[in-house]
């Protein structure tokens, strides 16, 4: 802690159990990074049912363990890290079903009425009885200069 009682996040550890119920993101600019993968989904107003996770901040780095999200964008999983300078390394698992719809939208355009895109959408949950295939996406860089690539998080090496 600094002498004026401001926490020094670069030298601190913070551990949080977080739960957000019936939440939404409105006009959250970083979501525009996913526009190529979401088709005609409204990225300006995203509703979700429950977000729950254990989040750690250690020496200025925020760590998000794997988290399942059911939202108006659909089902997805996210994990990753972000530091205090907004450098990010996020890993997303997006169902192929969502990606295929986005590709069709990109190629063939929108068949919906333009006003209907921004109506309130329902939260889409994954069917636990069906096998779901995912596209693994990595977002790396910072909020202003980032790369989106296809790829999984590297598994930690174990010493034998």
N, C-alpha and C. Protein backbone atom coordinates (compact mmCIF):
# COMPACT_ATOMS: atom_id res chain seq x y z
N UNK A 1 0.85 -1.16 0.00
CA UNK A 1 0.00 0.00 0.00
C UNK A 1 0.90 1.24 0.00
N UNK A 2 0.48 2.22 -0.75
CA UNK A 2 1.21 3.49 -0.77
C UNK A 2 0.94 4.27 0.52
N UNK A 3 1.79 5.27 0.83
CA UNK A 3 1.60 6.05 2.06
C UNK A 3 0.23 6.73 2.16
N UNK A 4 -0.39 7.03 1.01
CA UNK A 4 -1.72 7.67 1.05
C UNK A 4 -2.85 6.65 1.07
N UNK A 5 -2.53 5.39 1.42
CA UNK A 5 -3.48 4.29 1.56
C UNK A 5 -4.13 3.84 0.26
N UNK A 6 -3.51 4.13 -0.87
CA UNK A 6 -3.96 3.63 -2.16
C UNK A 6 -3.28 2.28 -2.38
N UNK A 7 -4.04 1.23 -2.71
CA UNK A 7 -3.41 -0.08 -2.91
C UNK A 7 -2.45 -0.09 -4.09
N UNK A 8 -1.33 -0.75 -3.94
CA UNK A 8 -0.36 -0.95 -5.00
C UNK A 8 -0.69 -2.28 -5.66
N UNK A 9 -1.50 -2.25 -6.71
CA UNK A 9 -1.97 -3.47 -7.35
C UNK A 9 -0.85 -4.28 -7.99
N UNK A 10 0.26 -3.62 -8.35
CA UNK A 10 1.38 -4.35 -8.93
C UNK A 10 2.09 -5.23 -7.90
N UNK A 11 1.87 -4.98 -6.63
CA UNK A 11 2.51 -5.76 -5.57
C UNK A 11 1.50 -6.51 -4.70
N UNK A 12 0.23 -6.46 -5.06
CA UNK A 12 -0.83 -7.02 -4.22
C UNK A 12 -1.38 -8.33 -4.76
N UNK A 13 -2.11 -9.01 -3.91
CA UNK A 13 -2.90 -10.18 -4.31
C UNK A 13 -4.33 -9.93 -3.89
N UNK A 14 -5.25 -10.11 -4.83
CA UNK A 14 -6.67 -9.98 -4.56
C UNK A 14 -7.34 -11.24 -5.09
N UNK A 15 -8.17 -11.87 -4.27
CA UNK A 15 -8.88 -13.08 -4.67
C UNK A 15 -10.37 -12.83 -4.46
N UNK A 16 -11.15 -13.03 -5.52
CA UNK A 16 -12.58 -12.71 -5.46
C UNK A 16 -13.42 -13.87 -5.97
N UNK A 17 -14.49 -14.16 -5.28
CA UNK A 17 -15.53 -15.04 -5.79
C UNK A 17 -16.65 -14.12 -6.26
N UNK A 18 -16.92 -14.13 -7.55
CA UNK A 18 -17.83 -13.17 -8.16
C UNK A 18 -19.06 -13.89 -8.72
N UNK A 19 -20.22 -13.30 -8.49
CA UNK A 19 -21.45 -13.81 -9.09
C UNK A 19 -22.30 -12.61 -9.51
N UNK A 20 -22.65 -12.58 -10.80
CA UNK A 20 -23.52 -11.54 -11.33
C UNK A 20 -24.75 -12.25 -11.90
N UNK A 21 -25.94 -11.85 -11.44
CA UNK A 21 -27.19 -12.50 -11.85
C UNK A 21 -28.00 -11.52 -12.70
N UNK A 22 -28.56 -12.03 -13.80
CA UNK A 22 -29.38 -11.22 -14.71
C UNK A 22 -28.66 -9.94 -15.12
N UNK A 23 -27.47 -10.08 -15.67
CA UNK A 23 -26.67 -8.92 -16.04
C UNK A 23 -26.77 -8.59 -17.51
N UNK A 24 -26.13 -7.50 -17.88
CA UNK A 24 -26.06 -7.12 -19.29
C UNK A 24 -24.86 -6.21 -19.51
N UNK A 25 -24.37 -6.26 -20.73
CA UNK A 25 -23.32 -5.34 -21.19
C UNK A 25 -23.96 -4.45 -22.25
N UNK A 26 -23.85 -3.15 -22.08
CA UNK A 26 -24.40 -2.23 -23.06
C UNK A 26 -23.27 -1.35 -23.59
N UNK A 27 -23.17 -1.31 -24.92
CA UNK A 27 -22.19 -0.47 -25.60
C UNK A 27 -20.77 -0.70 -25.07
N UNK A 28 -20.41 -1.96 -24.83
CA UNK A 28 -19.08 -2.31 -24.35
C UNK A 28 -18.21 -2.56 -25.57
N UNK A 29 -17.38 -1.58 -25.89
CA UNK A 29 -16.61 -1.56 -27.14
C UNK A 29 -15.78 -2.82 -27.40
N UNK A 30 -15.11 -3.41 -26.40
CA UNK A 30 -14.32 -4.61 -26.72
C UNK A 30 -15.12 -5.76 -27.33
N UNK A 31 -16.42 -5.80 -27.14
CA UNK A 31 -17.23 -6.87 -27.75
C UNK A 31 -17.24 -6.77 -29.27
N UNK A 32 -16.95 -5.59 -29.82
CA UNK A 32 -16.92 -5.45 -31.28
C UNK A 32 -15.81 -6.30 -31.89
N UNK A 33 -14.82 -6.72 -31.07
CA UNK A 33 -13.76 -7.60 -31.56
C UNK A 33 -14.33 -8.91 -32.10
N UNK A 34 -15.48 -9.30 -31.60
CA UNK A 34 -16.06 -10.60 -31.97
C UNK A 34 -17.07 -10.53 -33.10
N UNK A 35 -17.21 -9.39 -33.73
CA UNK A 35 -18.26 -9.22 -34.74
C UNK A 35 -18.18 -10.25 -35.87
N UNK A 36 -16.99 -10.64 -36.29
CA UNK A 36 -16.87 -11.63 -37.37
C UNK A 36 -17.35 -13.01 -36.96
N UNK A 37 -17.42 -13.27 -35.67
CA UNK A 37 -17.81 -14.60 -35.18
C UNK A 37 -19.26 -14.65 -34.71
N UNK A 38 -19.95 -13.50 -34.70
CA UNK A 38 -21.29 -13.45 -34.13
C UNK A 38 -22.39 -13.10 -35.13
N UNK A 39 -22.05 -12.83 -36.38
CA UNK A 39 -23.08 -12.59 -37.39
C UNK A 39 -23.96 -11.40 -37.08
N UNK A 40 -25.28 -11.64 -37.06
CA UNK A 40 -26.23 -10.55 -36.88
C UNK A 40 -26.62 -10.35 -35.41
N UNK A 41 -25.84 -10.89 -34.48
CA UNK A 41 -26.15 -10.72 -33.06
C UNK A 41 -25.90 -9.27 -32.65
N UNK A 42 -26.71 -8.80 -31.74
CA UNK A 42 -26.59 -7.43 -31.24
C UNK A 42 -25.46 -7.37 -30.22
N UNK A 43 -24.33 -6.81 -30.61
CA UNK A 43 -23.18 -6.69 -29.72
C UNK A 43 -23.25 -5.44 -28.86
N UNK A 44 -24.25 -4.59 -29.07
CA UNK A 44 -24.40 -3.37 -28.29
C UNK A 44 -25.19 -3.57 -27.01
N UNK A 45 -26.00 -4.65 -26.96
CA UNK A 45 -26.81 -4.93 -25.77
C UNK A 45 -26.83 -6.45 -25.59
N UNK A 46 -25.98 -6.94 -24.69
CA UNK A 46 -25.85 -8.36 -24.46
C UNK A 46 -26.39 -8.67 -23.07
N UNK A 47 -27.35 -9.57 -23.00
CA UNK A 47 -27.89 -10.00 -21.71
C UNK A 47 -27.35 -11.38 -21.39
N UNK A 48 -27.14 -11.66 -20.09
CA UNK A 48 -26.71 -12.98 -19.67
C UNK A 48 -27.42 -13.35 -18.38
N UNK A 49 -27.50 -14.66 -18.13
CA UNK A 49 -28.22 -15.10 -16.93
C UNK A 49 -27.35 -14.97 -15.68
N UNK A 50 -26.35 -15.81 -15.53
CA UNK A 50 -25.49 -15.78 -14.35
C UNK A 50 -24.04 -15.96 -14.75
N UNK A 51 -23.20 -15.07 -14.26
CA UNK A 51 -21.75 -15.23 -14.40
C UNK A 51 -21.23 -15.53 -13.01
N UNK A 52 -20.45 -16.60 -12.92
CA UNK A 52 -19.90 -16.97 -11.63
C UNK A 52 -18.50 -17.50 -11.83
N UNK A 53 -17.55 -16.98 -11.04
CA UNK A 53 -16.17 -17.41 -11.19
C UNK A 53 -15.35 -16.96 -9.99
N UNK A 54 -14.17 -17.53 -9.88
CA UNK A 54 -13.17 -17.09 -8.90
C UNK A 54 -12.11 -16.35 -9.71
N UNK A 55 -11.88 -15.10 -9.37
CA UNK A 55 -10.94 -14.27 -10.13
C UNK A 55 -9.80 -13.84 -9.21
N UNK A 56 -8.58 -13.93 -9.72
CA UNK A 56 -7.41 -13.54 -8.96
C UNK A 56 -6.71 -12.37 -9.64
N UNK A 57 -6.22 -11.44 -8.83
CA UNK A 57 -5.32 -10.40 -9.30
C UNK A 57 -4.04 -10.58 -8.50
N UNK A 58 -2.97 -10.93 -9.21
CA UNK A 58 -1.69 -11.18 -8.57
C UNK A 58 -0.62 -10.36 -9.28
N UNK A 59 0.01 -9.46 -8.53
CA UNK A 59 1.06 -8.59 -9.06
C UNK A 59 0.62 -7.87 -10.33
N UNK A 60 -0.60 -7.34 -10.31
CA UNK A 60 -1.09 -6.53 -11.41
C UNK A 60 -1.69 -7.30 -12.57
N UNK A 61 -1.81 -8.63 -12.45
CA UNK A 61 -2.38 -9.42 -13.55
C UNK A 61 -3.67 -10.09 -13.10
N UNK A 62 -4.73 -9.83 -13.83
CA UNK A 62 -6.04 -10.43 -13.60
C UNK A 62 -6.09 -11.77 -14.29
N UNK A 63 -6.44 -12.82 -13.55
CA UNK A 63 -6.54 -14.16 -14.12
C UNK A 63 -7.99 -14.61 -14.03
N UNK A 64 -8.55 -15.01 -15.19
CA UNK A 64 -9.93 -15.50 -15.25
C UNK A 64 -9.88 -16.97 -15.61
N UNK A 65 -10.20 -17.87 -14.65
CA UNK A 65 -10.27 -19.30 -14.99
C UNK A 65 -11.44 -19.54 -15.95
N UNK A 66 -11.47 -20.72 -16.54
CA UNK A 66 -12.52 -21.04 -17.50
C UNK A 66 -13.90 -20.73 -16.92
N UNK A 67 -14.72 -20.03 -17.69
CA UNK A 67 -16.04 -19.61 -17.26
C UNK A 67 -17.03 -19.84 -18.38
N UNK A 68 -18.16 -20.45 -18.07
CA UNK A 68 -19.22 -20.67 -19.04
C UNK A 68 -20.18 -19.49 -18.99
N UNK A 69 -20.55 -19.00 -20.17
CA UNK A 69 -21.47 -17.87 -20.28
C UNK A 69 -22.63 -18.26 -21.18
N UNK A 70 -23.84 -18.08 -20.68
CA UNK A 70 -25.06 -18.25 -21.47
C UNK A 70 -25.63 -16.85 -21.65
N UNK A 71 -25.71 -16.39 -22.90
CA UNK A 71 -26.12 -15.01 -23.16
C UNK A 71 -26.96 -14.92 -24.42
N UNK A 72 -27.32 -13.69 -24.77
CA UNK A 72 -28.06 -13.47 -26.02
C UNK A 72 -27.17 -13.72 -27.23
N UNK A 73 -25.86 -13.76 -27.04
CA UNK A 73 -24.95 -14.13 -28.13
C UNK A 73 -24.91 -15.64 -28.32
N UNK A 74 -25.32 -16.36 -27.30
CA UNK A 74 -25.26 -17.81 -27.32
C UNK A 74 -24.38 -18.30 -26.20
N UNK A 75 -24.11 -19.58 -26.24
CA UNK A 75 -23.25 -20.21 -25.24
C UNK A 75 -21.80 -20.00 -25.65
N UNK A 76 -20.93 -19.72 -24.70
CA UNK A 76 -19.50 -19.66 -24.97
C UNK A 76 -18.75 -19.88 -23.67
N UNK A 77 -17.48 -20.17 -23.81
CA UNK A 77 -16.60 -20.32 -22.65
C UNK A 77 -15.44 -19.36 -22.84
N UNK A 78 -14.97 -18.78 -21.74
CA UNK A 78 -13.89 -17.81 -21.81
C UNK A 78 -12.94 -18.02 -20.64
N UNK A 79 -11.67 -17.77 -20.88
CA UNK A 79 -10.65 -17.76 -19.83
C UNK A 79 -9.54 -16.83 -20.32
N UNK A 80 -8.63 -16.48 -19.42
CA UNK A 80 -7.50 -15.68 -19.87
C UNK A 80 -6.93 -14.77 -18.82
N UNK A 81 -6.11 -13.84 -19.29
CA UNK A 81 -5.44 -12.89 -18.40
C UNK A 81 -5.50 -11.48 -18.99
N UNK A 82 -5.38 -10.50 -18.09
CA UNK A 82 -5.30 -9.09 -18.48
C UNK A 82 -4.48 -8.39 -17.42
N UNK A 83 -3.57 -7.50 -17.85
CA UNK A 83 -2.79 -6.76 -16.86
C UNK A 83 -3.30 -5.32 -16.74
N UNK A 84 -2.68 -4.57 -15.89
CA UNK A 84 -3.14 -3.20 -15.61
C UNK A 84 -2.88 -2.24 -16.77
N UNK A 85 -2.05 -2.63 -17.75
CA UNK A 85 -1.81 -1.81 -18.94
C UNK A 85 -2.75 -2.24 -20.08
N UNK A 86 -3.75 -3.05 -19.77
CA UNK A 86 -4.76 -3.53 -20.72
C UNK A 86 -4.20 -4.47 -21.77
N UNK A 87 -3.09 -5.14 -21.46
CA UNK A 87 -2.61 -6.22 -22.33
C UNK A 87 -3.46 -7.44 -22.02
N UNK A 88 -3.95 -8.09 -23.08
CA UNK A 88 -4.90 -9.19 -22.89
C UNK A 88 -4.43 -10.46 -23.58
N UNK A 89 -4.83 -11.56 -23.03
CA UNK A 89 -4.69 -12.87 -23.66
C UNK A 89 -5.91 -13.67 -23.22
N UNK A 90 -6.94 -13.64 -24.05
CA UNK A 90 -8.19 -14.32 -23.77
C UNK A 90 -8.35 -15.51 -24.69
N UNK A 91 -8.97 -16.54 -24.17
CA UNK A 91 -9.28 -17.74 -24.94
C UNK A 91 -10.79 -17.93 -24.89
N UNK A 92 -11.41 -18.06 -26.07
CA UNK A 92 -12.84 -18.27 -26.15
C UNK A 92 -13.12 -19.58 -26.86
N UNK A 93 -14.17 -20.23 -26.43
CA UNK A 93 -14.67 -21.40 -27.13
C UNK A 93 -16.09 -21.04 -27.58
N UNK A 94 -16.25 -20.93 -28.90
CA UNK A 94 -17.53 -20.52 -29.48
C UNK A 94 -18.10 -21.73 -30.23
N UNK A 95 -19.37 -22.09 -29.97
CA UNK A 95 -19.95 -23.24 -30.67
C UNK A 95 -19.91 -23.06 -32.19
N UNK A 96 -19.59 -24.14 -32.89
CA UNK A 96 -19.55 -24.11 -34.36
C UNK A 96 -20.88 -23.63 -34.93
N UNK A 97 -21.96 -23.97 -34.28
CA UNK A 97 -23.29 -23.55 -34.75
C UNK A 97 -23.36 -22.02 -34.87
N UNK A 98 -22.83 -21.32 -33.89
CA UNK A 98 -22.82 -19.85 -33.90
C UNK A 98 -21.90 -19.33 -35.01
N UNK A 99 -20.73 -19.94 -35.16
CA UNK A 99 -19.76 -19.52 -36.17
C UNK A 99 -20.32 -19.75 -37.57
N UNK A 100 -21.00 -20.88 -37.79
CA UNK A 100 -21.58 -21.16 -39.12
C UNK A 100 -22.64 -20.12 -39.47
N UNK A 101 -23.47 -19.75 -38.49
CA UNK A 101 -24.49 -18.72 -38.75
C UNK A 101 -23.83 -17.38 -39.08
N UNK A 102 -22.74 -17.06 -38.38
CA UNK A 102 -22.03 -15.80 -38.64
C UNK A 102 -21.43 -15.79 -40.03
N UNK A 103 -20.87 -16.93 -40.46
CA UNK A 103 -20.28 -17.02 -41.81
C UNK A 103 -21.36 -16.84 -42.88
N UNK A 104 -22.51 -17.48 -42.68
CA UNK A 104 -23.61 -17.34 -43.64
C UNK A 104 -24.08 -15.88 -43.69
N UNK A 105 -24.16 -15.24 -42.54
CA UNK A 105 -24.57 -13.84 -42.49
C UNK A 105 -23.57 -12.97 -43.25
N UNK A 106 -22.28 -13.24 -43.05
CA UNK A 106 -21.23 -12.45 -43.71
C UNK A 106 -21.28 -12.62 -45.23
N UNK A 107 -21.53 -13.85 -45.68
CA UNK A 107 -21.55 -14.14 -47.12
C UNK A 107 -22.84 -13.67 -47.78
N UNK A 108 -23.98 -14.00 -47.17
CA UNK A 108 -25.27 -13.77 -47.81
C UNK A 108 -26.00 -12.54 -47.31
N UNK A 109 -25.49 -11.91 -46.25
CA UNK A 109 -26.15 -10.71 -45.73
C UNK A 109 -27.28 -11.06 -44.79
N UNK A 110 -27.99 -10.03 -44.40
CA UNK A 110 -29.05 -10.17 -43.41
C UNK A 110 -30.39 -10.36 -44.09
N UNK A 111 -31.06 -11.46 -43.76
CA UNK A 111 -32.39 -11.71 -44.30
C UNK A 111 -33.48 -11.16 -43.39
N UNK A 112 -33.09 -10.73 -42.18
CA UNK A 112 -34.06 -10.18 -41.23
C UNK A 112 -34.33 -8.71 -41.56
N UNK A 113 -35.42 -8.23 -41.02
CA UNK A 113 -35.70 -6.81 -41.05
C UNK A 113 -34.64 -6.12 -40.18
N UNK A 114 -34.01 -5.06 -40.66
CA UNK A 114 -32.93 -4.41 -39.91
C UNK A 114 -33.35 -4.01 -38.50
N UNK A 115 -34.59 -3.59 -38.30
CA UNK A 115 -35.05 -3.20 -36.97
C UNK A 115 -35.15 -4.40 -36.04
N UNK A 116 -35.39 -5.59 -36.58
CA UNK A 116 -35.56 -6.76 -35.72
C UNK A 116 -34.24 -7.22 -35.10
N UNK A 117 -33.11 -6.84 -35.66
CA UNK A 117 -31.81 -7.24 -35.11
C UNK A 117 -31.65 -6.70 -33.69
N UNK A 118 -32.13 -5.51 -33.44
CA UNK A 118 -31.89 -4.87 -32.16
C UNK A 118 -33.05 -4.98 -31.18
N UNK A 119 -34.01 -5.85 -31.47
CA UNK A 119 -35.04 -6.13 -30.49
C UNK A 119 -34.42 -6.95 -29.36
N UNK A 120 -35.12 -7.01 -28.22
CA UNK A 120 -34.61 -7.83 -27.13
C UNK A 120 -34.52 -9.27 -27.57
N UNK A 121 -33.36 -9.87 -27.36
CA UNK A 121 -33.14 -11.25 -27.74
C UNK A 121 -33.16 -12.11 -26.48
N UNK A 122 -33.43 -13.38 -26.66
CA UNK A 122 -33.48 -14.33 -25.55
C UNK A 122 -32.09 -14.88 -25.27
N UNK A 123 -31.87 -15.28 -24.03
CA UNK A 123 -30.63 -15.94 -23.65
C UNK A 123 -30.63 -17.35 -24.22
N UNK A 124 -29.53 -17.73 -24.87
CA UNK A 124 -29.42 -19.03 -25.52
C UNK A 124 -28.54 -19.93 -24.66
N UNK A 125 -29.10 -21.06 -24.25
CA UNK A 125 -28.36 -22.00 -23.43
C UNK A 125 -27.99 -23.23 -24.26
N UNK A 126 -26.88 -23.85 -23.91
CA UNK A 126 -26.44 -25.06 -24.58
C UNK A 126 -27.26 -26.24 -24.03
N UNK A 127 -27.57 -27.18 -24.90
CA UNK A 127 -28.28 -28.39 -24.48
C UNK A 127 -27.26 -29.37 -23.91
N UNK A 128 -27.33 -29.66 -22.60
CA UNK A 128 -26.32 -30.54 -21.99
C UNK A 128 -26.39 -31.98 -22.51
N UNK A 129 -27.48 -32.34 -23.17
CA UNK A 129 -27.63 -33.71 -23.69
C UNK A 129 -27.07 -33.88 -25.09
N UNK A 130 -26.65 -32.78 -25.71
CA UNK A 130 -26.08 -32.84 -27.06
C UNK A 130 -24.60 -32.51 -27.00
N UNK A 131 -23.84 -33.18 -27.86
CA UNK A 131 -22.41 -32.88 -27.95
C UNK A 131 -22.25 -31.56 -28.72
N UNK A 132 -21.45 -30.67 -28.19
CA UNK A 132 -21.23 -29.37 -28.82
C UNK A 132 -19.79 -29.28 -29.27
N UNK A 133 -19.61 -28.94 -30.55
CA UNK A 133 -18.27 -28.72 -31.11
C UNK A 133 -17.97 -27.23 -31.04
N UNK A 134 -16.71 -26.90 -30.77
CA UNK A 134 -16.32 -25.51 -30.56
C UNK A 134 -15.22 -25.07 -31.51
N UNK A 135 -15.21 -23.78 -31.80
CA UNK A 135 -14.08 -23.12 -32.44
C UNK A 135 -13.32 -22.43 -31.31
N UNK A 136 -12.03 -22.71 -31.21
CA UNK A 136 -11.18 -22.09 -30.18
C UNK A 136 -10.56 -20.82 -30.76
N UNK A 137 -10.77 -19.71 -30.08
CA UNK A 137 -10.31 -18.40 -30.54
C UNK A 137 -9.42 -17.79 -29.48
N UNK A 138 -8.30 -17.21 -29.91
CA UNK A 138 -7.37 -16.52 -29.01
C UNK A 138 -7.37 -15.04 -29.37
N UNK A 139 -7.54 -14.19 -28.37
CA UNK A 139 -7.43 -12.74 -28.55
C UNK A 139 -6.21 -12.31 -27.75
N UNK A 140 -5.23 -11.72 -28.45
CA UNK A 140 -3.95 -11.39 -27.82
C UNK A 140 -3.51 -10.00 -28.24
N UNK A 141 -3.00 -9.23 -27.31
CA UNK A 141 -2.51 -7.87 -27.60
C UNK A 141 -2.98 -6.92 -26.53
N UNK A 142 -3.47 -5.75 -26.96
CA UNK A 142 -4.10 -4.83 -26.01
C UNK A 142 -5.39 -4.33 -26.64
N UNK A 143 -6.13 -3.56 -25.89
CA UNK A 143 -7.46 -3.14 -26.34
C UNK A 143 -7.41 -2.38 -27.66
N UNK A 144 -6.33 -1.65 -27.92
CA UNK A 144 -6.22 -0.86 -29.14
C UNK A 144 -5.56 -1.59 -30.30
N UNK A 145 -4.72 -2.57 -30.01
CA UNK A 145 -3.97 -3.30 -31.04
C UNK A 145 -3.94 -4.78 -30.66
N UNK A 146 -4.81 -5.55 -31.29
CA UNK A 146 -4.96 -6.95 -30.91
C UNK A 146 -5.01 -7.83 -32.14
N UNK A 147 -4.73 -9.10 -31.94
CA UNK A 147 -4.86 -10.12 -32.98
C UNK A 147 -5.86 -11.15 -32.51
N UNK A 148 -6.68 -11.61 -33.44
CA UNK A 148 -7.59 -12.70 -33.16
C UNK A 148 -7.17 -13.85 -34.05
N UNK A 149 -6.83 -14.96 -33.43
CA UNK A 149 -6.39 -16.14 -34.16
C UNK A 149 -7.18 -17.34 -33.68
N UNK A 150 -7.13 -18.38 -34.46
CA UNK A 150 -7.75 -19.63 -34.08
C UNK A 150 -6.70 -20.46 -33.37
N UNK A 151 -7.02 -20.92 -32.18
CA UNK A 151 -6.06 -21.75 -31.45
C UNK A 151 -6.44 -21.93 -30.01
N UNK A 152 -5.99 -23.04 -29.45
CA UNK A 152 -6.26 -23.37 -28.06
C UNK A 152 -5.16 -22.82 -27.16
N UNK A 153 -5.48 -22.75 -25.89
CA UNK A 153 -4.50 -22.38 -24.89
C UNK A 153 -3.51 -23.53 -24.76
N UNK A 154 -2.23 -23.20 -24.69
CA UNK A 154 -1.21 -24.25 -24.56
C UNK A 154 -1.36 -24.92 -23.20
N UNK A 155 -1.25 -26.24 -23.22
CA UNK A 155 -1.34 -26.97 -21.96
C UNK A 155 -0.02 -26.83 -21.22
N UNK A 156 -0.11 -26.69 -19.89
CA UNK A 156 1.14 -26.55 -19.12
C UNK A 156 1.99 -27.82 -19.25
N UNK A 157 3.30 -27.61 -19.36
CA UNK A 157 4.21 -28.75 -19.46
C UNK A 157 4.42 -29.32 -18.06
N UNK A 158 4.52 -30.63 -18.01
CA UNK A 158 4.79 -31.28 -16.74
C UNK A 158 6.18 -31.89 -16.78
N UNK A 159 6.92 -31.71 -15.71
CA UNK A 159 8.26 -32.29 -15.61
C UNK A 159 8.15 -33.73 -15.12
N UNK A 160 8.92 -34.60 -15.75
CA UNK A 160 8.89 -36.00 -15.33
C UNK A 160 10.18 -36.38 -14.70
